[in-house]
């Protein structure tokens, strides 16, 4: 069984540092954790939506205990994942290309406006 197969997604974070802090906290309480998608999100830091954020995984048998521990320390902004977790659908190649095109056009507009204002 693969490492990901033994572990369930407990929470999803925008920043890897937040996932690691939660991971360390759970490990201090004897819960084995695994941070997933950290490097993919670090490479494309400007678009965490492509990969769905950094995921914190715990063993299936520790899921409930880990969930309760995180609820105690996180008063808000915590996306705990329930049993029926469905990962976000990654953006399609078409959506990514469309976003890049908009950024290029916006940049060209800024350059044009700077040229005509001088």
PDB file of N, CA and C in Angstrom:
ATOM      1  N   UNK A   1       0.849  -1.184   0.000  1.00  0.00           N
ATOM      2  CA  UNK A   1       0.000   0.000   0.000  1.00  0.00           C
ATOM      3  C   UNK A   1       0.889   1.238   0.000  1.00  0.00           C
ATOM      4  N   UNK A   2       0.561   2.214  -0.812  1.00  0.00           N
ATOM      5  CA  UNK A   2       1.362   3.433  -0.887  1.00  0.00           C
ATOM      6  C   UNK A   2       1.171   4.281   0.356  1.00  0.00           C
ATOM      7  N   UNK A   3       2.101   5.198   0.560  1.00  0.00           N
ATOM      8  CA  UNK A   3       2.026   6.088   1.720  1.00  0.00           C
ATOM      9  C   UNK A   3       0.728   6.880   1.714  1.00  0.00           C
ATOM     10  N   UNK A   4       0.306   7.367   0.546  1.00  0.00           N
ATOM     11  CA  UNK A   4      -0.917   8.143   0.451  1.00  0.00           C
ATOM     12  C   UNK A   4      -2.144   7.283   0.742  1.00  0.00           C
ATOM     13  N   UNK A   5      -2.070   5.975   0.466  1.00  0.00           N
ATOM     14  CA  UNK A   5      -3.197   5.095   0.675  1.00  0.00           C
ATOM     15  C   UNK A   5      -3.511   4.867   2.146  1.00  0.00           C
ATOM     16  N   UNK A   6      -2.521   4.888   3.016  1.00  0.00           N
ATOM     17  CA  UNK A   6      -2.706   4.676   4.445  1.00  0.00           C
ATOM     18  C   UNK A   6      -3.190   5.930   5.149  1.00  0.00           C
ATOM     19  N   UNK A   7      -3.001   7.050   4.521  1.00  0.00           N
ATOM     20  CA  UNK A   7      -3.283   8.336   5.144  1.00  0.00           C
ATOM     21  C   UNK A   7      -4.532   8.973   4.537  1.00  0.00           C
ATOM     22  N   UNK A   8      -5.300   9.667   5.384  1.00  0.00           N
ATOM     23  CA  UNK A   8      -6.476  10.399   4.923  1.00  0.00           C
ATOM     24  C   UNK A   8      -6.189  11.893   5.022  1.00  0.00           C
ATOM     25  N   UNK A   9      -6.772  12.652   4.117  1.00  0.00           N
ATOM     26  CA  UNK A   9      -6.587  14.104   4.147  1.00  0.00           C
ATOM     27  C   UNK A   9      -7.408  14.671   5.294  1.00  0.00           C
ATOM     28  N   UNK A  10      -6.729  15.357   6.202  1.00  0.00           N
ATOM     29  CA  UNK A  10      -7.375  15.952   7.370  1.00  0.00           C
ATOM     30  C   UNK A  10      -7.698  17.424   7.142  1.00  0.00           C
ATOM     31  N   UNK A  11      -6.749  18.161   6.559  1.00  0.00           N
ATOM     32  CA  UNK A  11      -6.933  19.601   6.380  1.00  0.00           C
ATOM     33  C   UNK A  11      -6.186  20.061   5.140  1.00  0.00           C
ATOM     34  N   UNK A  12      -6.584  21.240   4.664  1.00  0.00           N
ATOM     35  CA  UNK A  12      -5.972  21.830   3.477  1.00  0.00           C
ATOM     36  C   UNK A  12      -5.563  23.254   3.825  1.00  0.00           C
ATOM     37  N   UNK A  13      -4.346  23.643   3.438  1.00  0.00           N
ATOM     38  CA  UNK A  13      -3.801  24.955   3.784  1.00  0.00           C
ATOM     39  C   UNK A  13      -3.327  25.671   2.531  1.00  0.00           C
ATOM     40  N   UNK A  14      -3.372  26.985   2.566  1.00  0.00           N
ATOM     41  CA  UNK A  14      -2.834  27.791   1.470  1.00  0.00           C
ATOM     42  C   UNK A  14      -1.312  27.801   1.502  1.00  0.00           C
ATOM     43  N   UNK A  15      -0.739  27.821   2.709  1.00  0.00           N
ATOM     44  CA  UNK A  15       0.715  27.908   2.862  1.00  0.00           C
ATOM     45  C   UNK A  15       1.273  26.635   3.471  1.00  0.00           C
ATOM     46  N   UNK A  16       2.415  26.194   2.953  1.00  0.00           N
ATOM     47  CA  UNK A  16       3.059  24.986   3.466  1.00  0.00           C
ATOM     48  C   UNK A  16       3.473  25.148   4.919  1.00  0.00           C
ATOM     49  N   UNK A  17       3.874  26.358   5.308  1.00  0.00           N
ATOM     50  CA  UNK A  17       4.315  26.575   6.682  1.00  0.00           C
ATOM     51  C   UNK A  17       3.176  26.297   7.659  1.00  0.00           C
ATOM     52  N   UNK A  18       1.957  26.648   7.316  1.00  0.00           N
ATOM     53  CA  UNK A  18       0.809  26.367   8.178  1.00  0.00           C
ATOM     54  C   UNK A  18       0.573  24.862   8.309  1.00  0.00           C
ATOM     55  N   UNK A  19       0.694  24.161   7.195  1.00  0.00           N
ATOM     56  CA  UNK A  19       0.523  22.703   7.220  1.00  0.00           C
ATOM     57  C   UNK A  19       1.597  22.055   8.092  1.00  0.00           C
ATOM     58  N   UNK A  20       2.829  22.559   7.996  1.00  0.00           N
ATOM     59  CA  UNK A  20       3.914  21.993   8.800  1.00  0.00           C
ATOM     60  C   UNK A  20       3.753  22.301  10.282  1.00  0.00           C
ATOM     61  N   UNK A  21       3.242  23.462  10.599  1.00  0.00           N
ATOM     62  CA  UNK A  21       3.003  23.791  12.012  1.00  0.00           C
ATOM     63  C   UNK A  21       1.952  22.850  12.599  1.00  0.00           C
ATOM     64  N   UNK A  22       0.876  22.629  11.852  1.00  0.00           N
ATOM     65  CA  UNK A  22      -0.163  21.706  12.310  1.00  0.00           C
ATOM     66  C   UNK A  22       0.393  20.284  12.400  1.00  0.00           C
ATOM     67  N   UNK A  23       1.214  19.915  11.437  1.00  0.00           N
ATOM     68  CA  UNK A  23       1.833  18.592  11.431  1.00  0.00           C
ATOM     69  C   UNK A  23       2.698  18.385  12.671  1.00  0.00           C
ATOM     70  N   UNK A  24       3.522  19.385  12.996  1.00  0.00           N
ATOM     71  CA  UNK A  24       4.382  19.290  14.180  1.00  0.00           C
ATOM     72  C   UNK A  24       3.556  19.175  15.451  1.00  0.00           C
ATOM     73  N   UNK A  25       2.491  19.940  15.531  1.00  0.00           N
ATOM     74  CA  UNK A  25       1.616  19.898  16.704  1.00  0.00           C
ATOM     75  C   UNK A  25       1.031  18.492  16.884  1.00  0.00           C
ATOM     76  N   UNK A  26       0.538  17.922  15.793  1.00  0.00           N
ATOM     77  CA  UNK A  26      -0.041  16.578  15.867  1.00  0.00           C
ATOM     78  C   UNK A  26       1.016  15.534  16.194  1.00  0.00           C
ATOM     79  N   UNK A  27       2.206  15.687  15.640  1.00  0.00           N
ATOM     80  CA  UNK A  27       3.281  14.736  15.932  1.00  0.00           C
ATOM     81  C   UNK A  27       3.683  14.797  17.403  1.00  0.00           C
ATOM     82  N   UNK A  28       3.623  15.966  18.000  1.00  0.00           N
ATOM     83  CA  UNK A  28       3.911  16.091  19.432  1.00  0.00           C
ATOM     84  C   UNK A  28       2.888  15.337  20.272  1.00  0.00           C
ATOM     85  N   UNK A  29       1.719  15.105  19.709  1.00  0.00           N
ATOM     86  CA  UNK A  29       0.673  14.357  20.403  1.00  0.00           C
ATOM     87  C   UNK A  29       0.631  12.900  19.939  1.00  0.00           C
ATOM     88  N   UNK A  30       1.693  12.450  19.292  1.00  0.00           N
ATOM     89  CA  UNK A  30       1.816  11.045  18.912  1.00  0.00           C
ATOM     90  C   UNK A  30       1.064  10.634  17.665  1.00  0.00           C
ATOM     91  N   UNK A  31       0.698  11.593  16.825  1.00  0.00           N
ATOM     92  CA  UNK A  31      -0.037  11.279  15.595  1.00  0.00           C
ATOM     93  C   UNK A  31       0.906  11.434  14.411  1.00  0.00           C
ATOM     94  N   UNK A  32       1.024  10.368  13.642  1.00  0.00           N
ATOM     95  CA  UNK A  32       1.887  10.405  12.461  1.00  0.00           C
ATOM     96  C   UNK A  32       1.198  11.200  11.358  1.00  0.00           C
ATOM     97  N   UNK A  33       1.946  12.103  10.718  1.00  0.00           N
ATOM     98  CA  UNK A  33       1.364  12.975   9.684  1.00  0.00           C
ATOM     99  C   UNK A  33       2.199  12.922   8.414  1.00  0.00           C
ATOM    100  N   UNK A  34       1.605  13.452   7.358  1.00  0.00           N
ATOM    101  CA  UNK A  34       2.258  13.514   6.055  1.00  0.00           C
ATOM    102  C   UNK A  34       1.741  14.768   5.346  1.00  0.00           C
ATOM    103  N   UNK A  35       2.644  15.657   4.951  1.00  0.00           N
ATOM    104  CA  UNK A  35       2.265  16.874   4.221  1.00  0.00           C
ATOM    105  C   UNK A  35       2.391  16.574   2.731  1.00  0.00           C
ATOM    106  N   UNK A  36       1.298  16.852   2.003  1.00  0.00           N
ATOM    107  CA  UNK A  36       1.202  16.467   0.591  1.00  0.00           C
ATOM    108  C   UNK A  36       0.981  17.700  -0.293  1.00  0.00           C
ATOM    109  N   UNK A  37       1.521  17.683  -1.491  1.00  0.00           N
ATOM    110  CA  UNK A  37       1.381  18.753  -2.495  1.00  0.00           C
ATOM    111  C   UNK A  37       2.123  20.029  -2.107  1.00  0.00           C
ATOM    112  N   UNK A  38       3.048  19.924  -1.189  1.00  0.00           N
ATOM    113  CA  UNK A  38       3.808  21.103  -0.757  1.00  0.00           C
ATOM    114  C   UNK A  38       4.668  21.653  -1.895  1.00  0.00           C
ATOM    115  N   UNK A  39       5.379  20.771  -2.560  1.00  0.00           N
ATOM    116  CA  UNK A  39       6.310  21.229  -3.588  1.00  0.00           C
ATOM    117  C   UNK A  39       5.590  21.730  -4.840  1.00  0.00           C
ATOM    118  N   UNK A  40       4.500  21.088  -5.192  1.00  0.00           N
ATOM    119  CA  UNK A  40       3.729  21.544  -6.354  1.00  0.00           C
ATOM    120  C   UNK A  40       3.202  22.947  -6.118  1.00  0.00           C
ATOM    121  N   UNK A  41       2.742  23.221  -4.900  1.00  0.00           N
ATOM    122  CA  UNK A  41       2.226  24.553  -4.586  1.00  0.00           C
ATOM    123  C   UNK A  41       3.349  25.564  -4.418  1.00  0.00           C
ATOM    124  N   UNK A  42       4.518  25.128  -4.007  1.00  0.00           N
ATOM    125  CA  UNK A  42       5.644  26.046  -3.882  1.00  0.00           C
ATOM    126  C   UNK A  42       6.119  26.498  -5.263  1.00  0.00           C
ATOM    127  N   UNK A  43       6.099  25.590  -6.217  1.00  0.00           N
ATOM    128  CA  UNK A  43       6.514  25.930  -7.584  1.00  0.00           C
ATOM    129  C   UNK A  43       5.544  26.942  -8.183  1.00  0.00           C
ATOM    130  N   UNK A  44       4.254  26.720  -7.973  1.00  0.00           N
ATOM    131  CA  UNK A  44       3.229  27.611  -8.523  1.00  0.00           C
ATOM    132  C   UNK A  44       2.555  28.359  -7.380  1.00  0.00           C
ATOM    133  N   UNK A  45       3.350  29.048  -6.574  1.00  0.00           N
ATOM    134  CA  UNK A  45       2.845  29.722  -5.372  1.00  0.00           C
ATOM    135  C   UNK A  45       1.743  30.723  -5.673  1.00  0.00           C
ATOM    136  N   UNK A  46       1.745  31.279  -6.860  1.00  0.00           N
ATOM    137  CA  UNK A  46       0.773  32.303  -7.220  1.00  0.00           C
ATOM    138  C   UNK A  46      -0.579  31.713  -7.574  1.00  0.00           C
ATOM    139  N   UNK A  47      -0.649  30.412  -7.689  1.00  0.00           N
ATOM    140  CA  UNK A  47      -1.915  29.800  -8.102  1.00  0.00           C
ATOM    141  C   UNK A  47      -2.161  28.492  -7.365  1.00  0.00           C
ATOM    142  N   UNK A  48      -2.346  28.565  -6.048  1.00  0.00           N
ATOM    143  CA  UNK A  48      -2.566  27.349  -5.270  1.00  0.00           C
ATOM    144  C   UNK A  48      -3.848  26.640  -5.686  1.00  0.00           C
ATOM    145  N   UNK A  49      -4.741  27.349  -6.354  1.00  0.00           N
ATOM    146  CA  UNK A  49      -5.976  26.731  -6.808  1.00  0.00           C
ATOM    147  C   UNK A  49      -5.760  25.628  -7.831  1.00  0.00           C
ATOM    148  N   UNK A  50      -4.656  25.655  -8.525  1.00  0.00           N
ATOM    149  CA  UNK A  50      -4.382  24.625  -9.523  1.00  0.00           C
ATOM    150  C   UNK A  50      -4.269  23.272  -8.846  1.00  0.00           C
ATOM    151  N   UNK A  51      -3.602  23.210  -7.698  1.00  0.00           N
ATOM    152  CA  UNK A  51      -3.356  21.941  -7.024  1.00  0.00           C
ATOM    153  C   UNK A  51      -4.256  21.741  -5.812  1.00  0.00           C
ATOM    154  N   UNK A  52      -5.010  22.736  -5.444  1.00  0.00           N
ATOM    155  CA  UNK A  52      -5.923  22.590  -4.331  1.00  0.00           C
ATOM    156  C   UNK A  52      -5.314  22.818  -2.965  1.00  0.00           C
ATOM    157  N   UNK A  53      -4.182  23.438  -2.879  1.00  0.00           N
ATOM    158  CA  UNK A  53      -3.582  23.736  -1.584  1.00  0.00           C
ATOM    159  C   UNK A  53      -2.710  22.612  -1.061  1.00  0.00           C
ATOM    160  N   UNK A  54      -2.063  22.876   0.069  1.00  0.00           N
ATOM    161  CA  UNK A  54      -1.188  21.907   0.714  1.00  0.00           C
ATOM    162  C   UNK A  54      -2.050  21.074   1.659  1.00  0.00           C
ATOM    163  N   UNK A  55      -1.968  19.761   1.516  1.00  0.00           N
ATOM    164  CA  UNK A  55      -2.823  18.869   2.290  1.00  0.00           C
ATOM    165  C   UNK A  55      -2.063  18.250   3.454  1.00  0.00           C
ATOM    166  N   UNK A  56      -2.735  18.163   4.584  1.00  0.00           N
ATOM    167  CA  UNK A  56      -2.195  17.493   5.765  1.00  0.00           C
ATOM    168  C   UNK A  56      -2.925  16.173   5.901  1.00  0.00           C
ATOM    169  N   UNK A  57      -2.147  15.094   5.877  1.00  0.00           N
ATOM    170  CA  UNK A  57      -2.735  13.756   5.973  1.00  0.00           C
ATOM    171  C   UNK A  57      -2.367  13.122   7.310  1.00  0.00           C
ATOM    172  N   UNK A  58      -3.279  12.314   7.814  1.00  0.00           N
ATOM    173  CA  UNK A  58      -3.040  11.528   9.024  1.00  0.00           C
ATOM    174  C   UNK A  58      -3.511  10.106   8.763  1.00  0.00           C
ATOM    175  N   UNK A  59      -3.045   9.171   9.603  1.00  0.00           N
ATOM    176  CA  UNK A  59      -3.490   7.787   9.468  1.00  0.00           C
ATOM    177  C   UNK A  59      -4.997   7.721   9.712  1.00  0.00           C
ATOM    178  N   UNK A  60      -5.645   6.809   9.031  1.00  0.00           N
ATOM    179  CA  UNK A  60      -7.105   6.663   9.147  1.00  0.00           C
ATOM    180  C   UNK A  60      -7.546   6.495  10.589  1.00  0.00           C
ATOM    181  N   UNK A  61      -6.813   5.690  11.337  1.00  0.00           N
ATOM    182  CA  UNK A  61      -7.224   5.425  12.724  1.00  0.00           C
ATOM    183  C   UNK A  61      -7.032   6.635  13.644  1.00  0.00           C
ATOM    184  N   UNK A  62      -6.226   7.616  13.223  1.00  0.00           N
ATOM    185  CA  UNK A  62      -5.991   8.822  14.022  1.00  0.00           C
ATOM    186  C   UNK A  62      -6.820  10.015  13.570  1.00  0.00           C
ATOM    187  N   UNK A  63      -7.656   9.816  12.562  1.00  0.00           N
ATOM    188  CA  UNK A  63      -8.364  10.931  11.934  1.00  0.00           C
ATOM    189  C   UNK A  63      -9.212  11.722  12.937  1.00  0.00           C
ATOM    190  N   UNK A  64     -10.042  11.045  13.711  1.00  0.00           N
ATOM    191  CA  UNK A  64     -10.948  11.732  14.644  1.00  0.00           C
ATOM    192  C   UNK A  64     -10.167  12.476  15.727  1.00  0.00           C
ATOM    193  N   UNK A  65      -9.166  11.815  16.302  1.00  0.00           N
ATOM    194  CA  UNK A  65      -8.374  12.450  17.363  1.00  0.00           C
ATOM    195  C   UNK A  65      -7.630  13.666  16.834  1.00  0.00           C
ATOM    196  N   UNK A  66      -7.027  13.529  15.640  1.00  0.00           N
ATOM    197  CA  UNK A  66      -6.297  14.642  15.027  1.00  0.00           C
ATOM    198  C   UNK A  66      -7.239  15.802  14.729  1.00  0.00           C
ATOM    199  N   UNK A  67      -8.429  15.490  14.264  1.00  0.00           N
ATOM    200  CA  UNK A  67      -9.417  16.527  13.973  1.00  0.00           C
ATOM    201  C   UNK A  67      -9.766  17.309  15.238  1.00  0.00           C
ATOM    202  N   UNK A  68      -9.980  16.612  16.328  1.00  0.00           N
ATOM    203  CA  UNK A  68     -10.304  17.279  17.597  1.00  0.00           C
ATOM    204  C   UNK A  68      -9.135  18.128  18.099  1.00  0.00           C
ATOM    205  N   UNK A  69      -7.915  17.621  17.976  1.00  0.00           N
ATOM    206  CA  UNK A  69      -6.745  18.385  18.419  1.00  0.00           C
ATOM    207  C   UNK A  69      -6.605  19.685  17.626  1.00  0.00           C
ATOM    208  N   UNK A  70      -6.796  19.611  16.316  1.00  0.00           N
ATOM    209  CA  UNK A  70      -6.663  20.817  15.499  1.00  0.00           C
ATOM    210  C   UNK A  70      -7.789  21.807  15.775  1.00  0.00           C
ATOM    211  N   UNK A  71      -8.971  21.306  16.044  1.00  0.00           N
ATOM    212  CA  UNK A  71     -10.091  22.198  16.365  1.00  0.00           C
ATOM    213  C   UNK A  71      -9.815  22.975  17.651  1.00  0.00           C
ATOM    214  N   UNK A  72      -9.074  22.377  18.583  1.00  0.00           N
ATOM    215  CA  UNK A  72      -8.750  23.041  19.845  1.00  0.00           C
ATOM    216  C   UNK A  72      -7.804  24.223  19.643  1.00  0.00           C
ATOM    217  N   UNK A  73      -6.882  24.114  18.696  1.00  0.00           N
ATOM    218  CA  UNK A  73      -5.882  25.178  18.527  1.00  0.00           C
ATOM    219  C   UNK A  73      -6.225  26.167  17.425  1.00  0.00           C
ATOM    220  N   UNK A  74      -7.081  25.784  16.509  1.00  0.00           N
ATOM    221  CA  UNK A  74      -7.471  26.676  15.411  1.00  0.00           C
ATOM    222  C   UNK A  74      -8.866  27.204  15.687  1.00  0.00           C
ATOM    223  N   UNK A  75      -8.952  28.476  15.975  1.00  0.00           N
ATOM    224  CA  UNK A  75     -10.268  29.051  16.251  1.00  0.00           C
ATOM    225  C   UNK A  75     -11.016  29.391  14.958  1.00  0.00           C
ATOM    226  N   UNK A  76     -10.271  29.664  13.880  1.00  0.00           N
ATOM    227  CA  UNK A  76     -10.912  30.021  12.617  1.00  0.00           C
ATOM    228  C   UNK A  76      -9.967  29.705  11.461  1.00  0.00           C
ATOM    229  N   UNK A  77     -10.443  29.873  10.260  1.00  0.00           N
ATOM    230  CA  UNK A  77      -9.658  29.692   9.043  1.00  0.00           C
ATOM    231  C   UNK A  77      -9.053  28.301   8.888  1.00  0.00           C
ATOM    232  N   UNK A  78      -9.682  27.304   9.469  1.00  0.00           N
ATOM    233  CA  UNK A  78      -9.188  25.942   9.310  1.00  0.00           C
ATOM    234  C   UNK A  78     -10.181  25.164   8.467  1.00  0.00           C
ATOM    235  N   UNK A  79      -9.696  24.600   7.393  1.00  0.00           N
ATOM    236  CA  UNK A  79     -10.557  23.791   6.546  1.00  0.00           C
ATOM    237  C   UNK A  79     -10.289  22.329   6.873  1.00  0.00           C
ATOM    238  N   UNK A  80     -10.997  21.809   7.872  1.00  0.00           N
ATOM    239  CA  UNK A  80     -10.879  20.382   8.161  1.00  0.00           C
ATOM    240  C   UNK A  80     -11.695  19.624   7.128  1.00  0.00           C
ATOM    241  N   UNK A  81     -11.180  18.494   6.770  1.00  0.00           N
ATOM    242  CA  UNK A  81     -11.804  17.699   5.727  1.00  0.00           C
ATOM    243  C   UNK A  81     -12.607  16.593   6.392  1.00  0.00           C
ATOM    244  N   UNK A  82     -13.820  16.386   5.910  1.00  0.00           N
ATOM    245  CA  UNK A  82     -14.636  15.324   6.486  1.00  0.00           C
ATOM    246  C   UNK A  82     -14.407  14.017   5.735  1.00  0.00           C
ATOM    247  N   UNK A  83     -15.134  13.019   6.119  1.00  0.00           N
ATOM    248  CA  UNK A  83     -14.967  11.685   5.526  1.00  0.00           C
ATOM    249  C   UNK A  83     -15.216  11.678   4.012  1.00  0.00           C
ATOM    250  N   UNK A  84     -16.083  12.550   3.523  1.00  0.00           N
ATOM    251  CA  UNK A  84     -16.431  12.552   2.110  1.00  0.00           C
ATOM    252  C   UNK A  84     -15.614  13.534   1.294  1.00  0.00           C
ATOM    253  N   UNK A  85     -14.342  13.693   1.606  1.00  0.00           N
ATOM    254  CA  UNK A  85     -13.497  14.676   0.923  1.00  0.00           C
ATOM    255  C   UNK A  85     -13.369  14.362  -0.558  1.00  0.00           C
ATOM    256  N   UNK A  86     -13.600  15.381  -1.341  1.00  0.00           N
ATOM    257  CA  UNK A  86     -13.373  15.275  -2.780  1.00  0.00           C
ATOM    258  C   UNK A  86     -12.411  16.389  -3.143  1.00  0.00           C
ATOM    259  N   UNK A  87     -11.235  16.059  -3.660  1.00  0.00           N
ATOM    260  CA  UNK A  87     -10.269  17.111  -3.982  1.00  0.00           C
ATOM    261  C   UNK A  87     -10.819  18.076  -5.020  1.00  0.00           C
ATOM    262  N   UNK A  88     -10.325  19.300  -4.947  1.00  0.00           N
ATOM    263  CA  UNK A  88     -10.733  20.292  -5.944  1.00  0.00           C
ATOM    264  C   UNK A  88     -10.278  19.822  -7.312  1.00  0.00           C
ATOM    265  N   UNK A  89     -11.120  20.073  -8.270  1.00  0.00           N
ATOM    266  CA  UNK A  89     -10.768  19.713  -9.639  1.00  0.00           C
ATOM    267  C   UNK A  89      -9.696  20.676 -10.126  1.00  0.00           C
ATOM    268  N   UNK A  90      -8.566  20.147 -10.600  1.00  0.00           N
ATOM    269  CA  UNK A  90      -7.514  21.048 -11.090  1.00  0.00           C
ATOM    270  C   UNK A  90      -8.008  21.875 -12.273  1.00  0.00           C
ATOM    271  N   UNK A  91      -7.418  23.045 -12.426  1.00  0.00           N
ATOM    272  CA  UNK A  91      -7.773  23.886 -13.569  1.00  0.00           C
ATOM    273  C   UNK A  91      -7.362  23.190 -14.858  1.00  0.00           C
ATOM    274  N   UNK A  92      -8.162  23.366 -15.864  1.00  0.00           N
ATOM    275  CA  UNK A  92      -7.840  22.767 -17.161  1.00  0.00           C
ATOM    276  C   UNK A  92      -6.743  23.586 -17.828  1.00  0.00           C
ATOM    277  N   UNK A  93      -6.124  22.979 -18.801  1.00  0.00           N
ATOM    278  CA  UNK A  93      -5.081  23.668 -19.566  1.00  0.00           C
ATOM    279  C   UNK A  93      -5.648  24.928 -20.221  1.00  0.00           C
ATOM    280  N   UNK A  94      -6.892  24.845 -20.668  1.00  0.00           N
ATOM    281  CA  UNK A  94      -7.550  25.989 -21.308  1.00  0.00           C
ATOM    282  C   UNK A  94      -7.694  27.146 -20.313  1.00  0.00           C
ATOM    283  N   UNK A  95      -8.105  26.847 -19.075  1.00  0.00           N
ATOM    284  CA  UNK A  95      -8.254  27.896 -18.059  1.00  0.00           C
ATOM    285  C   UNK A  95      -6.916  28.536 -17.710  1.00  0.00           C
ATOM    286  N   UNK A  96      -5.874  27.717 -17.627  1.00  0.00           N
ATOM    287  CA  UNK A  96      -4.539  28.238 -17.314  1.00  0.00           C
ATOM    288  C   UNK A  96      -4.058  29.151 -18.438  1.00  0.00           C
ATOM    289  N   UNK A  97      -4.223  28.709 -19.676  1.00  0.00           N
ATOM    290  CA  UNK A  97      -3.804  29.520 -20.821  1.00  0.00           C
ATOM    291  C   UNK A  97      -4.590  30.826 -20.893  1.00  0.00           C
ATOM    292  N   UNK A  98      -5.873  30.756 -20.578  1.00  0.00           N
ATOM    293  CA  UNK A  98      -6.697  31.958 -20.578  1.00  0.00           C
ATOM    294  C   UNK A  98      -6.190  32.954 -19.524  1.00  0.00           C
ATOM    295  N   UNK A  99      -5.843  32.455 -18.337  1.00  0.00           N
ATOM    296  CA  UNK A  99      -5.319  33.331 -17.285  1.00  0.00           C
ATOM    297  C   UNK A  99      -4.000  33.971 -17.700  1.00  0.00           C
ATOM    298  N   UNK A 100      -3.127  33.198 -18.307  1.00  0.00           N
ATOM    299  CA  UNK A 100      -1.839  33.728 -18.765  1.00  0.00           C
ATOM    300  C   UNK A 100      -2.066  34.786 -19.834  1.00  0.00           C
ATOM    301  N   UNK A 101      -2.977  34.536 -20.743  1.00  0.00           N
ATOM    302  CA  UNK A 101      -3.283  35.504 -21.801  1.00  0.00           C
ATOM    303  C   UNK A 101      -3.796  36.816 -21.209  1.00  0.00           C
ATOM    304  N   UNK A 102      -4.672  36.737 -20.220  1.00  0.00           N
ATOM    305  CA  UNK A 102      -5.174  37.947 -19.570  1.00  0.00           C
ATOM    306  C   UNK A 102      -4.047  38.719 -18.900  1.00  0.00           C
ATOM    307  N   UNK A 103      -3.126  38.008 -18.260  1.00  0.00           N
ATOM    308  CA  UNK A 103      -1.989  38.678 -17.620  1.00  0.00           C
ATOM    309  C   UNK A 103      -1.111  39.389 -18.649  1.00  0.00           C
ATOM    310  N   UNK A 104      -0.875  38.739 -19.775  1.00  0.00           N
ATOM    311  CA  UNK A 104      -0.062  39.347 -20.835  1.00  0.00           C
ATOM    312  C   UNK A 104      -0.757  40.585 -21.385  1.00  0.00           C
ATOM    313  N   UNK A 105      -2.050  40.471 -21.656  1.00  0.00           N
ATOM    314  CA  UNK A 105      -2.792  41.616 -22.190  1.00  0.00           C
ATOM    315  C   UNK A 105      -2.821  42.775 -21.191  1.00  0.00           C
ATOM    316  N   UNK A 106      -2.985  42.466 -19.926  1.00  0.00           N
ATOM    317  CA  UNK A 106      -2.966  43.496 -18.898  1.00  0.00           C
ATOM    318  C   UNK A 106      -1.599  44.187 -18.852  1.00  0.00           C
ATOM    319  N   UNK A 107      -0.522  43.398 -18.937  1.00  0.00           N
ATOM    320  CA  UNK A 107       0.829  43.960 -18.951  1.00  0.00           C
ATOM    321  C   UNK A 107       1.045  44.865 -20.152  1.00  0.00           C
ATOM    322  N   UNK A 108       0.565  44.435 -21.321  1.00  0.00           N
ATOM    323  CA  UNK A 108       0.699  45.256 -22.523  1.00  0.00           C
ATOM    324  C   UNK A 108      -0.092  46.554 -22.393  1.00  0.00           C
ATOM    325  N   UNK A 109      -1.265  46.493 -21.790  1.00  0.00           N
ATOM    326  CA  UNK A 109      -2.070  47.686 -21.566  1.00  0.00           C
ATOM    327  C   UNK A 109      -1.325  48.669 -20.659  1.00  0.00           C
ATOM    328  N   UNK A 110      -0.724  48.171 -19.602  1.00  0.00           N
ATOM    329  CA  UNK A 110       0.040  49.030 -18.685  1.00  0.00           C
ATOM    330  C   UNK A 110       1.208  49.693 -19.426  1.00  0.00           C
ATOM    331  N   UNK A 111       1.924  48.917 -20.221  1.00  0.00           N
ATOM    332  CA  UNK A 111       3.054  49.464 -20.986  1.00  0.00           C
ATOM    333  C   UNK A 111       2.555  50.546 -21.949  1.00  0.00           C
ATOM    334  N   UNK A 112       1.459  50.282 -22.641  1.00  0.00           N
ATOM    335  CA  UNK A 112       0.893  51.243 -23.579  1.00  0.00           C
ATOM    336  C   UNK A 112       0.507  52.544 -22.850  1.00  0.00           C
ATOM    337  N   UNK A 113      -0.172  52.410 -21.717  1.00  0.00           N
ATOM    338  CA  UNK A 113      -0.578  53.597 -20.961  1.00  0.00           C
ATOM    339  C   UNK A 113       0.628  54.387 -20.458  1.00  0.00           C
ATOM    340  N   UNK A 114       1.680  53.710 -20.092  1.00  0.00           N
ATOM    341  CA  UNK A 114       2.890  54.413 -19.644  1.00  0.00           C
ATOM    342  C   UNK A 114       3.537  55.162 -20.821  1.00  0.00           C
ATOM    343  N   UNK A 115       3.485  54.552 -21.995  1.00  0.00           N
ATOM    344  CA  UNK A 115       4.109  55.187 -23.178  1.00  0.00           C
ATOM    345  C   UNK A 115       3.348  56.436 -23.612  1.00  0.00           C
ATOM    346  N   UNK A 116       2.017  56.397 -23.568  1.00  0.00           N
ATOM    347  CA  UNK A 116       1.267  57.547 -24.041  1.00  0.00           C
ATOM    348  C   UNK A 116       1.211  58.668 -22.999  1.00  0.00           C
ATOM    349  N   UNK A 117       1.490  58.341 -21.741  1.00  0.00           N
ATOM    350  CA  UNK A 117       1.451  59.383 -20.702  1.00  0.00           C
ATOM    351  C   UNK A 117       2.740  60.196 -20.653  1.00  0.00           C
ATOM    352  N   UNK A 118       3.783  59.735 -21.325  1.00  0.00           N
ATOM    353  CA  UNK A 118       5.046  60.491 -21.279  1.00  0.00           C
ATOM    354  C   UNK A 118       5.206  61.391 -22.470  1.00  0.00           C
TER     355      UNK A 118
END
